[in-house]
Amino acid sequence: MKFAVQKAWSNSGRARVGVLEFGSNHKIETPSLLLSTRKGLPLFISPDLLSSLPFPDSHLLQVSPFHFLEGISAKTISDVGGLHDVVGLNSNDYGLVAVPRDSLVSLPDCDGSNKFGASFETPGGRRLIKPSDYMNLINSMKPNLWVTLADEVPAWVSQKRNKISVDRTITWLDQCLSAQNPSNVVVLGPIVGGSDVEERRRCAVEVSRRNVFGYWIGGFGLGESRNERSDLLSAITDHLPEEKLRQICGLELPEEVLQGVAAGVDLFDSTYIYHLTLGGFGLSFPLERRTRAIEKDVAIEPIEKAGSDQTKINLRHIIHRKDMSPIVEDCACYTCRNHTKAYINHLLNVHEMLAQILLEIHNTHHYLAFFRKIREAIKAGEFEEFHAMFVKNRREHLAVSSVCA
C-alpha cells in the first residue's frame, strides 16, 4: 500500500487531497470514507450488490478484529489465506482496514505493567486481550492496513487518566510493532489523550517517532465540544509528518467530517450510514458546491415537507405511503433508479430486510458523493467557502424543521 499527498491548493487551509494506492494499482483519492462492516462486509449489502456502489471509493472497508474472537479461529483464518479469502473479497480489488475500536475500555493498570491489556464487549461477555493476542489476530487476518491497540478515554476524565491513556497506548504500540509480521508492516499508530491538549500533543510527538505508515486519531465523538475538538485536532496535526496518512474515528455527521478535513485528515471511519439505515432514514442533503451563495449572502431556500429535515428523509413517515418519486431526484444509485419512497415505506412497515438493503445502498452512494464534492472543492481552492456554506445551510434547514414540527 502507498500513500501520497498531492500538491496543496491555495485558499483551502490545511485541507488536502491525497492518493491511497493498494491491490492491483487501485487508487482512491482522499479525503475518503471507510465503509463500516460486520466481519468484513457491509451490514446489509450482500457481496453480489457491492458492485452497485461507486468505484473505487467504496472499496475501502473497515473491520474490527474483535468480531473474530468468537467462532472461526485465528489459525483457520490464516490457513484459508487471510480475511479477504474468508469473506470472499478479491484482495486486489478491496482494501481492509483493521481498527480495534469496539467498546474498548482498559482495566485499571494496578502495577504499571500494562499486563491486563484491553477489555471489550462480545456476545459472550466482556473479554480481555493482550497485545500478543491481538497481533496473533492481525497476522492471521492479513489486512491491508491495521491499527495497534489504543486506550481511548471520554472527554470528562481527569488529567491523570489522560496521561495514563497516552502512556499505555504508546507501550501497546511498541509491543505490537515488535510482534508484527515482517510482511504486514502497513500499520497506523494511534493518537489518544482525551480532551487534554498537552497530552494529545505529547502522544502525537511520541508516535511520530515510530516507524509507522500513518496515524489513527482516536478518542473523538466521546463528549468533546466543537471548540474543544478544533483545538485538539490542531494540537495533533501540527506535530504529524505531512507526507503520512491520517485516519480519524468518531467524526460522523457531515459537519464533523468537514471539521476533520479542515484539520488535514485523510480517512474517516464511521457508523453514520449504519445508524441512518437502521432508523429508516435516507440521506437527502444537497451536494452542489454553491460557493456564490456565500459571496452574495443568498441562502438556499428550505423546502417545508413533513418527514424530512432537508438533510435526511424519514421513510417510515405516512406521507411517503403513496409517494412514487425516488429518495433523491437525479440520484444515480441502484435504489433511486429502480424503487420509490412508497415501496421503501411499505418494506419498512412490513419489516422486510430489503428496506435496509436499499437504504444502505442509497446512503452509501450519497455519502461517498459528499466526499467527492469535498475533494472537488479542495482542488478548486474553495474548501473554506464550501465548508461555511454547508454548515450555514444545514443549521438553517434544521432550524426550519424544528419550527415546523
Protein backbone atom coordinates (compact mmCIF):
# COMPACT_ATOMS: atom_id res chain seq x y z
CA MET A 1 0.00 0.00 0.00
CA LYS A 2 1.20 3.52 -0.86
CA PHE A 3 0.03 6.99 0.06
CA ALA A 4 0.98 10.34 -1.39
CA VAL A 5 -0.27 13.86 -0.70
CA GLN A 6 -0.94 15.82 -3.86
CA LYS A 7 0.15 19.42 -4.06
CA ALA A 8 -1.59 21.87 -1.76
CA TRP A 9 -4.26 24.06 -3.32
CA SER A 10 -4.48 27.70 -2.31
CA ASN A 11 -7.34 29.01 -0.15
CA SER A 12 -8.11 25.55 1.27
CA GLY A 13 -6.29 25.89 4.60
CA ARG A 14 -4.97 22.56 5.87
CA ALA A 15 -7.46 20.55 3.81
CA ARG A 16 -5.62 18.35 1.32
CA VAL A 17 -6.18 15.76 -1.38
CA GLY A 18 -4.09 12.60 -1.45
CA VAL A 19 -3.98 9.26 -3.26
CA LEU A 20 -4.06 5.89 -1.50
CA GLU A 21 -2.91 3.02 -3.73
CA PHE A 22 -3.49 -0.68 -3.00
CA GLY A 23 -4.08 -4.02 -4.72
CA SER A 24 -3.77 -4.12 -8.50
CA ASN A 25 -2.96 -0.44 -8.86
CA HIS A 26 -6.30 0.67 -7.39
CA LYS A 27 -6.15 4.34 -6.45
CA ILE A 28 -8.56 6.05 -4.08
CA GLU A 29 -8.45 9.79 -3.64
CA THR A 30 -8.65 11.20 -0.13
CA PRO A 31 -10.39 12.62 1.89
CA SER A 32 -12.45 9.45 1.73
CA LEU A 33 -14.74 7.23 3.78
CA LEU A 34 -14.14 3.74 5.13
CA LEU A 35 -17.33 1.68 4.91
CA SER A 36 -18.33 0.18 8.24
CA THR A 37 -18.65 -3.62 8.21
CA ARG A 38 -19.54 -6.57 10.39
CA LYS A 39 -16.90 -9.27 9.94
CA GLY A 40 -15.62 -7.75 6.72
CA LEU A 41 -18.80 -7.00 4.79
CA PRO A 42 -21.27 -4.06 4.94
CA LEU A 43 -24.08 -4.59 7.42
CA PHE A 44 -26.91 -5.09 4.92
CA ILE A 45 -25.37 -5.16 1.43
CA SER A 46 -24.64 -8.66 0.17
CA PRO A 47 -21.41 -9.34 -1.77
CA ASP A 48 -23.21 -9.54 -5.12
CA LEU A 49 -24.52 -5.98 -4.63
CA LEU A 50 -21.18 -4.41 -3.73
CA SER A 51 -20.63 -3.69 -7.42
CA SER A 52 -23.63 -1.32 -7.33
CA LEU A 53 -21.64 1.09 -5.14
CA PRO A 54 -19.37 3.80 -6.63
CA PHE A 55 -15.98 2.53 -7.80
CA PRO A 56 -13.33 2.75 -6.44
CA ASP A 57 -14.48 4.88 -3.47
CA SER A 58 -16.46 2.02 -1.92
CA HIS A 59 -13.55 -0.43 -1.97
CA LEU A 60 -12.07 0.52 1.40
CA LEU A 61 -13.73 -1.42 4.23
CA GLN A 62 -13.25 -1.11 7.98
CA VAL A 63 -13.28 -4.29 10.07
CA SER A 64 -12.98 -4.88 13.81
CA PRO A 65 -10.57 -7.75 14.61
CA PHE A 66 -12.56 -8.35 17.81
CA HIS A 67 -15.52 -9.64 15.78
CA PHE A 68 -13.40 -12.72 15.01
CA LEU A 69 -12.53 -13.68 18.57
CA GLU A 70 -15.54 -15.97 18.77
CA GLY A 71 -16.33 -18.56 16.15
CA ILE A 72 -13.70 -19.08 13.46
CA SER A 73 -10.20 -19.26 14.96
CA ALA A 74 -7.19 -17.17 14.04
CA LYS A 75 -5.41 -20.33 12.82
CA THR A 76 -8.31 -21.15 10.49
CA ILE A 77 -8.30 -17.61 9.07
CA SER A 78 -4.56 -17.92 8.46
CA ASP A 79 -4.88 -21.38 6.87
CA VAL A 80 -7.60 -20.13 4.50
CA GLY A 81 -5.33 -17.32 3.36
CA GLY A 82 -6.44 -14.31 5.37
CA LEU A 83 -9.58 -12.27 5.89
CA HIS A 84 -10.04 -11.43 2.19
CA ASP A 85 -10.48 -15.12 1.39
CA VAL A 86 -12.71 -15.75 4.42
CA VAL A 87 -15.26 -13.11 3.39
CA GLY A 88 -14.87 -13.76 -0.34
CA LEU A 89 -13.32 -10.46 -1.43
CA ASN A 90 -10.56 -10.19 -4.01
CA SER A 91 -7.51 -8.80 -2.21
CA ASN A 92 -6.53 -6.94 -5.38
CA ASP A 93 -9.87 -5.11 -5.52
CA TYR A 94 -10.75 -4.39 -1.88
CA GLY A 95 -8.74 -2.89 0.94
CA LEU A 96 -9.48 -3.99 4.52
CA VAL A 97 -8.53 -1.71 7.40
CA ALA A 98 -8.47 -3.37 10.83
CA VAL A 99 -9.46 -0.94 13.61
CA PRO A 100 -9.69 -2.21 17.23
CA ARG A 101 -12.50 0.09 18.28
CA ASP A 102 -15.41 -1.86 19.71
CA SER A 103 -16.40 -0.53 23.14
CA LEU A 104 -12.75 -0.51 24.17
CA VAL A 105 -12.30 0.15 27.88
CA SER A 106 -9.00 -0.56 29.59
CA LEU A 107 -8.86 -2.14 33.01
CA PRO A 108 -7.01 -0.29 35.80
CA ASP A 109 -3.26 -0.62 35.47
CA CYS A 110 -2.65 -1.70 39.05
CA ASP A 111 1.08 -2.36 38.99
CA GLY A 112 2.21 -0.32 35.97
CA SER A 113 2.94 -3.37 33.83
CA ASN A 114 0.01 -2.99 31.38
CA LYS A 115 -0.28 -6.76 31.57
CA PHE A 116 -4.05 -6.81 31.52
CA GLY A 117 -4.47 -5.46 28.02
CA ALA A 118 -7.76 -4.10 26.66
CA SER A 119 -11.23 -5.00 27.87
CA PHE A 120 -14.15 -5.10 25.40
CA GLU A 121 -17.68 -6.41 24.97
CA THR A 122 -18.51 -9.56 22.98
CA PRO A 123 -21.76 -11.55 22.62
CA GLY A 124 -20.29 -13.87 25.25
CA GLY A 125 -19.50 -11.09 27.74
CA ARG A 126 -16.54 -8.84 28.47
CA ARG A 127 -13.15 -10.20 27.45
CA LEU A 128 -9.51 -9.18 27.75
CA ILE A 129 -6.92 -9.12 25.02
CA LYS A 130 -3.19 -8.55 25.33
CA PRO A 131 -1.03 -7.06 22.57
CA SER A 132 0.36 -10.53 21.81
CA ASP A 133 -3.16 -11.95 21.37
CA TYR A 134 -4.14 -9.00 19.21
CA MET A 135 -1.09 -9.43 16.97
CA ASN A 136 -1.95 -13.10 16.54
CA LEU A 137 -5.27 -11.96 15.08
CA ILE A 138 -3.71 -9.32 12.84
CA ASN A 139 -1.03 -11.64 11.49
CA SER A 140 -3.67 -14.24 10.60
CA MET A 141 -6.12 -11.76 9.04
CA LYS A 142 -3.54 -10.04 6.79
CA PRO A 143 -5.40 -6.70 6.43
CA ASN A 144 -4.16 -4.00 4.07
CA LEU A 145 -3.93 -1.53 6.96
CA TRP A 146 -4.20 -2.05 10.70
CA VAL A 147 -4.22 -0.01 13.89
CA THR A 148 -2.50 -1.03 17.12
CA LEU A 149 -4.38 -1.25 20.42
CA ALA A 150 -5.36 2.11 21.86
CA ASP A 151 -6.63 3.25 25.26
CA GLU A 152 -9.37 5.74 24.35
CA VAL A 153 -10.97 7.83 27.07
CA PRO A 154 -14.01 10.16 27.07
CA ALA A 155 -13.74 13.92 27.40
CA TRP A 156 -14.71 14.08 31.10
CA VAL A 157 -11.87 12.00 32.62
CA SER A 158 -9.14 13.51 34.79
CA GLN A 159 -5.78 14.79 33.60
CA LYS A 160 -4.13 11.84 35.33
CA ARG A 161 -6.31 9.40 33.38
CA ASN A 162 -5.46 11.15 30.10
CA LYS A 163 -1.76 10.73 30.85
CA ILE A 164 -2.26 7.04 31.62
CA SER A 165 -4.11 6.56 28.32
CA VAL A 166 -1.18 8.02 26.38
CA ASP A 167 1.46 6.02 28.27
CA ARG A 168 -0.50 2.79 27.89
CA THR A 169 -1.18 3.35 24.18
CA ILE A 170 2.49 4.01 23.42
CA THR A 171 3.50 0.89 25.35
CA TRP A 172 0.99 -1.18 23.40
CA LEU A 173 2.20 0.38 20.15
CA ASP A 174 5.79 -0.69 20.84
CA GLN A 175 4.68 -4.19 21.82
CA CYS A 176 2.55 -4.58 18.68
CA LEU A 177 5.33 -3.29 16.43
CA SER A 178 7.78 -5.80 17.90
CA ALA A 179 5.34 -8.67 17.28
CA GLN A 180 4.18 -7.75 13.78
CA ASN A 181 4.67 -9.99 10.78
CA PRO A 182 7.53 -8.58 8.64
CA SER A 183 5.33 -8.97 5.55
CA ASN A 184 2.49 -6.92 7.07
CA VAL A 185 4.08 -3.66 8.21
CA VAL A 186 1.39 -1.24 7.00
CA VAL A 187 0.43 -0.04 10.47
CA LEU A 188 -1.24 3.12 11.77
CA GLY A 189 -0.06 4.47 15.11
CA PRO A 190 -2.89 5.62 17.42
CA ILE A 191 -3.14 9.16 18.83
CA VAL A 192 -5.12 9.43 22.10
CA GLY A 193 -5.21 11.71 25.15
CA GLY A 194 -8.87 12.60 25.65
CA SER A 195 -9.65 16.31 25.84
CA ASP A 196 -6.22 17.28 27.18
CA VAL A 197 -4.41 19.35 24.54
CA GLU A 198 -0.97 18.77 26.05
CA GLU A 199 -1.42 15.00 26.26
CA ARG A 200 -2.69 14.92 22.68
CA ARG A 201 0.40 16.83 21.60
CA ARG A 202 2.69 14.54 23.61
CA CYS A 203 1.11 11.45 22.10
CA ALA A 204 1.43 12.82 18.55
CA VAL A 205 5.11 13.62 19.08
CA GLU A 206 5.87 10.19 20.57
CA VAL A 207 4.00 8.18 17.94
CA SER A 208 5.53 10.21 15.09
CA ARG A 209 8.95 8.94 16.21
CA ARG A 210 7.91 5.34 15.48
CA ASN A 211 8.22 3.62 12.12
CA VAL A 212 4.57 3.63 11.10
CA PHE A 213 2.75 4.03 7.77
CA GLY A 214 0.39 6.67 9.14
CA TYR A 215 -1.71 7.70 12.11
CA TRP A 216 -5.09 6.78 13.56
CA ILE A 217 -6.64 9.59 15.62
CA GLY A 218 -8.96 8.11 18.25
CA GLY A 219 -10.93 9.32 21.23
CA PHE A 220 -13.26 11.69 19.35
CA GLY A 221 -17.04 11.63 19.48
CA LEU A 222 -16.78 10.89 23.20
CA GLY A 223 -18.14 14.09 24.71
CA GLU A 224 -15.86 16.87 23.48
CA SER A 225 -17.39 20.15 22.28
CA ARG A 226 -16.93 21.53 18.77
CA ASN A 227 -14.49 24.19 20.02
CA GLU A 228 -12.51 21.64 22.04
CA ARG A 229 -12.32 19.37 19.01
CA SER A 230 -10.83 22.09 16.83
CA ASP A 231 -8.03 22.80 19.34
CA LEU A 232 -7.34 19.09 19.86
CA LEU A 233 -7.12 18.40 16.12
CA SER A 234 -4.70 21.28 15.65
CA ALA A 235 -2.52 20.07 18.53
CA ILE A 236 -2.31 16.67 16.84
CA THR A 237 -1.84 17.53 13.16
CA ASP A 238 0.71 20.26 13.93
CA HIS A 239 3.11 17.52 15.07
CA LEU A 240 2.46 14.84 12.44
CA PRO A 241 4.53 14.50 9.25
CA GLU A 242 2.74 15.98 6.25
CA GLU A 243 3.54 13.06 3.95
CA LYS A 244 1.87 10.32 6.03
CA LEU A 245 -1.74 9.10 6.06
CA ARG A 246 -4.12 10.34 8.77
CA GLN A 247 -7.28 8.48 9.74
CA ILE A 248 -9.82 9.50 12.38
CA CYS A 249 -12.64 7.77 14.21
CA GLY A 250 -15.66 9.39 15.86
CA LEU A 251 -16.42 12.22 13.39
CA GLU A 252 -19.60 11.01 11.70
CA LEU A 253 -22.02 13.84 10.88
CA PRO A 254 -21.29 15.76 7.65
CA GLU A 255 -20.33 18.96 9.51
CA GLU A 256 -18.00 16.93 11.76
CA VAL A 257 -16.36 15.38 8.70
CA LEU A 258 -15.77 18.85 7.28
CA GLN A 259 -14.13 19.90 10.54
CA GLY A 260 -11.78 16.92 10.27
CA VAL A 261 -10.97 17.65 6.62
CA ALA A 262 -10.20 21.26 7.55
CA ALA A 263 -7.63 19.93 10.05
CA GLY A 264 -5.89 17.81 7.39
CA VAL A 265 -7.45 14.36 8.00
CA ASP A 266 -7.47 11.90 5.06
CA LEU A 267 -9.65 8.91 6.06
CA PHE A 268 -12.83 8.70 8.13
CA ASP A 269 -14.29 5.54 9.64
CA SER A 270 -17.91 5.96 10.64
CA THR A 271 -21.10 4.10 11.59
CA TYR A 272 -23.23 7.06 10.46
CA ILE A 273 -24.60 5.23 7.42
CA TYR A 274 -25.48 2.18 9.51
CA HIS A 275 -27.44 4.14 12.13
CA LEU A 276 -29.32 6.12 9.47
CA THR A 277 -30.24 2.94 7.63
CA LEU A 278 -31.34 1.15 10.78
CA GLY A 279 -33.60 4.09 11.63
CA GLY A 280 -35.27 4.10 8.22
CA PHE A 281 -33.69 7.37 7.03
CA GLY A 282 -32.44 8.25 3.56
CA LEU A 283 -29.79 10.94 3.10
CA SER A 284 -31.04 13.88 1.03
CA PHE A 285 -28.85 16.92 1.77
CA PRO A 286 -27.78 18.89 -1.35
CA LEU A 287 -24.37 18.10 -2.83
CA GLU A 288 -23.89 21.14 -5.08
CA ARG A 289 -20.92 23.39 -4.29
CA ARG A 290 -22.79 26.70 -4.20
CA THR A 291 -19.97 28.99 -3.11
CA ARG A 292 -21.57 32.01 -4.81
CA ALA A 293 -24.43 31.83 -2.30
CA ILE A 294 -21.90 32.70 0.40
CA GLU A 295 -20.36 35.54 -1.57
CA LYS A 296 -23.75 37.13 -2.28
CA ASP A 297 -25.20 36.20 1.10
CA VAL A 298 -28.00 34.32 -0.64
CA ALA A 299 -29.48 31.50 1.41
CA ILE A 300 -30.75 28.32 -0.19
CA GLU A 301 -34.47 28.24 0.44
CA PRO A 302 -35.56 25.28 2.59
CA ILE A 303 -38.47 23.17 1.43
CA GLU A 304 -41.00 22.57 4.18
CA LYS A 305 -42.08 18.98 3.98
CA ALA A 306 -43.23 16.53 6.61
CA GLY A 307 -40.96 13.56 7.17
CA SER A 308 -37.80 15.48 6.23
CA ASP A 309 -35.36 17.90 7.86
CA GLN A 310 -33.71 18.71 4.50
CA THR A 311 -30.69 16.55 5.37
CA LYS A 312 -32.41 13.18 5.64
CA ILE A 313 -35.85 11.73 4.92
CA ASN A 314 -37.81 9.62 7.40
CA LEU A 315 -39.14 6.95 5.06
CA ARG A 316 -41.28 5.43 7.79
CA HIS A 317 -43.48 8.56 7.72
CA ILE A 318 -47.03 8.05 6.47
CA ILE A 319 -46.62 10.89 3.95
CA HIS A 320 -44.44 8.61 1.79
CA ARG A 321 -47.01 5.81 1.59
CA LYS A 322 -48.11 6.88 -1.92
CA ASP A 323 -45.02 8.86 -2.96
CA MET A 324 -43.86 7.43 -6.28
CA SER A 325 -40.70 9.55 -6.50
CA PRO A 326 -37.17 8.32 -5.67
CA ILE A 327 -35.44 9.25 -2.41
CA VAL A 328 -33.43 11.93 -4.25
CA GLU A 329 -34.23 13.14 -7.75
CA ASP A 330 -31.41 12.58 -10.26
CA CYS A 331 -29.57 10.25 -7.86
CA ALA A 332 -27.73 7.58 -9.86
CA CYS A 333 -27.74 4.86 -7.17
CA TYR A 334 -29.41 1.49 -7.75
CA THR A 335 -32.17 2.26 -5.23
CA CYS A 336 -33.24 5.60 -6.70
CA ARG A 337 -33.09 4.30 -10.27
CA ASN A 338 -35.34 1.32 -9.54
CA HIS A 339 -37.51 2.00 -6.48
CA THR A 340 -39.75 4.65 -4.95
CA LYS A 341 -40.27 6.10 -1.49
CA ALA A 342 -43.65 4.36 -1.38
CA TYR A 343 -42.05 0.95 -1.92
CA ILE A 344 -39.39 1.50 0.74
CA ASN A 345 -42.07 2.82 3.12
CA HIS A 346 -44.01 -0.40 2.55
CA LEU A 347 -40.93 -2.56 3.13
CA LEU A 348 -40.19 -0.75 6.40
CA ASN A 349 -43.78 -1.14 7.61
CA VAL A 350 -43.81 -4.90 6.99
CA HIS A 351 -40.29 -5.27 8.50
CA GLU A 352 -38.77 -6.61 5.30
CA MET A 353 -34.94 -6.58 5.33
CA LEU A 354 -34.87 -5.45 1.70
CA ALA A 355 -35.68 -1.97 3.06
CA GLN A 356 -32.33 -1.80 4.88
CA ILE A 357 -30.51 -3.16 1.84
CA LEU A 358 -31.95 -0.50 -0.46
CA LEU A 359 -31.41 2.26 2.11
CA GLU A 360 -27.81 1.31 2.77
CA ILE A 361 -27.09 1.34 -0.97
CA HIS A 362 -28.55 4.85 -1.31
CA ASN A 363 -26.99 6.26 1.89
CA THR A 364 -23.57 4.87 1.00
CA HIS A 365 -23.81 6.27 -2.53
CA HIS A 366 -24.92 9.69 -1.26
CA TYR A 367 -22.26 9.96 1.45
CA LEU A 368 -19.48 8.91 -0.92
CA ALA A 369 -20.72 11.60 -3.32
CA PHE A 370 -20.42 14.10 -0.45
CA PHE A 371 -16.74 13.17 -0.06
CA ARG A 372 -16.26 13.56 -3.81
CA LYS A 373 -17.65 17.11 -3.61
CA ILE A 374 -15.25 17.83 -0.75
CA ARG A 375 -12.29 16.78 -2.91
CA GLU A 376 -13.53 18.90 -5.81
CA ALA A 377 -13.83 21.93 -3.51
CA ILE A 378 -10.27 21.45 -2.23
CA LYS A 379 -8.88 21.16 -5.77
CA ALA A 380 -10.73 24.31 -6.78
CA GLY A 381 -9.33 26.19 -3.78
CA GLU A 382 -12.89 26.67 -2.47
CA PHE A 383 -12.99 24.33 0.50
CA GLU A 384 -13.34 27.03 3.17
CA GLU A 385 -16.27 28.56 1.30
CA PHE A 386 -17.82 25.12 0.75
CA HIS A 387 -17.39 24.34 4.47
CA ALA A 388 -19.02 27.60 5.56
CA MET A 389 -21.87 27.26 3.07
CA PHE A 390 -22.67 23.69 4.08
CA VAL A 391 -22.71 24.37 7.82
CA LYS A 392 -24.80 27.54 7.36
CA ASN A 393 -27.47 25.86 5.25
CA ARG A 394 -27.51 22.76 7.46
CA ARG A 395 -28.27 24.93 10.50
CA GLU A 396 -30.98 26.83 8.60
CA HIS A 397 -32.68 23.62 7.48
CA LEU A 398 -32.61 22.10 10.96
CA ALA A 399 -33.96 25.34 12.46
CA VAL A 400 -36.86 25.46 9.97
CA SER A 401 -37.65 21.79 10.62
CA SER A 402 -37.79 22.32 14.39
CA VAL A 403 -40.17 25.29 13.96
CA CYS A 404 -42.43 23.35 11.58
CA ALA A 405 -42.53 20.40 13.99
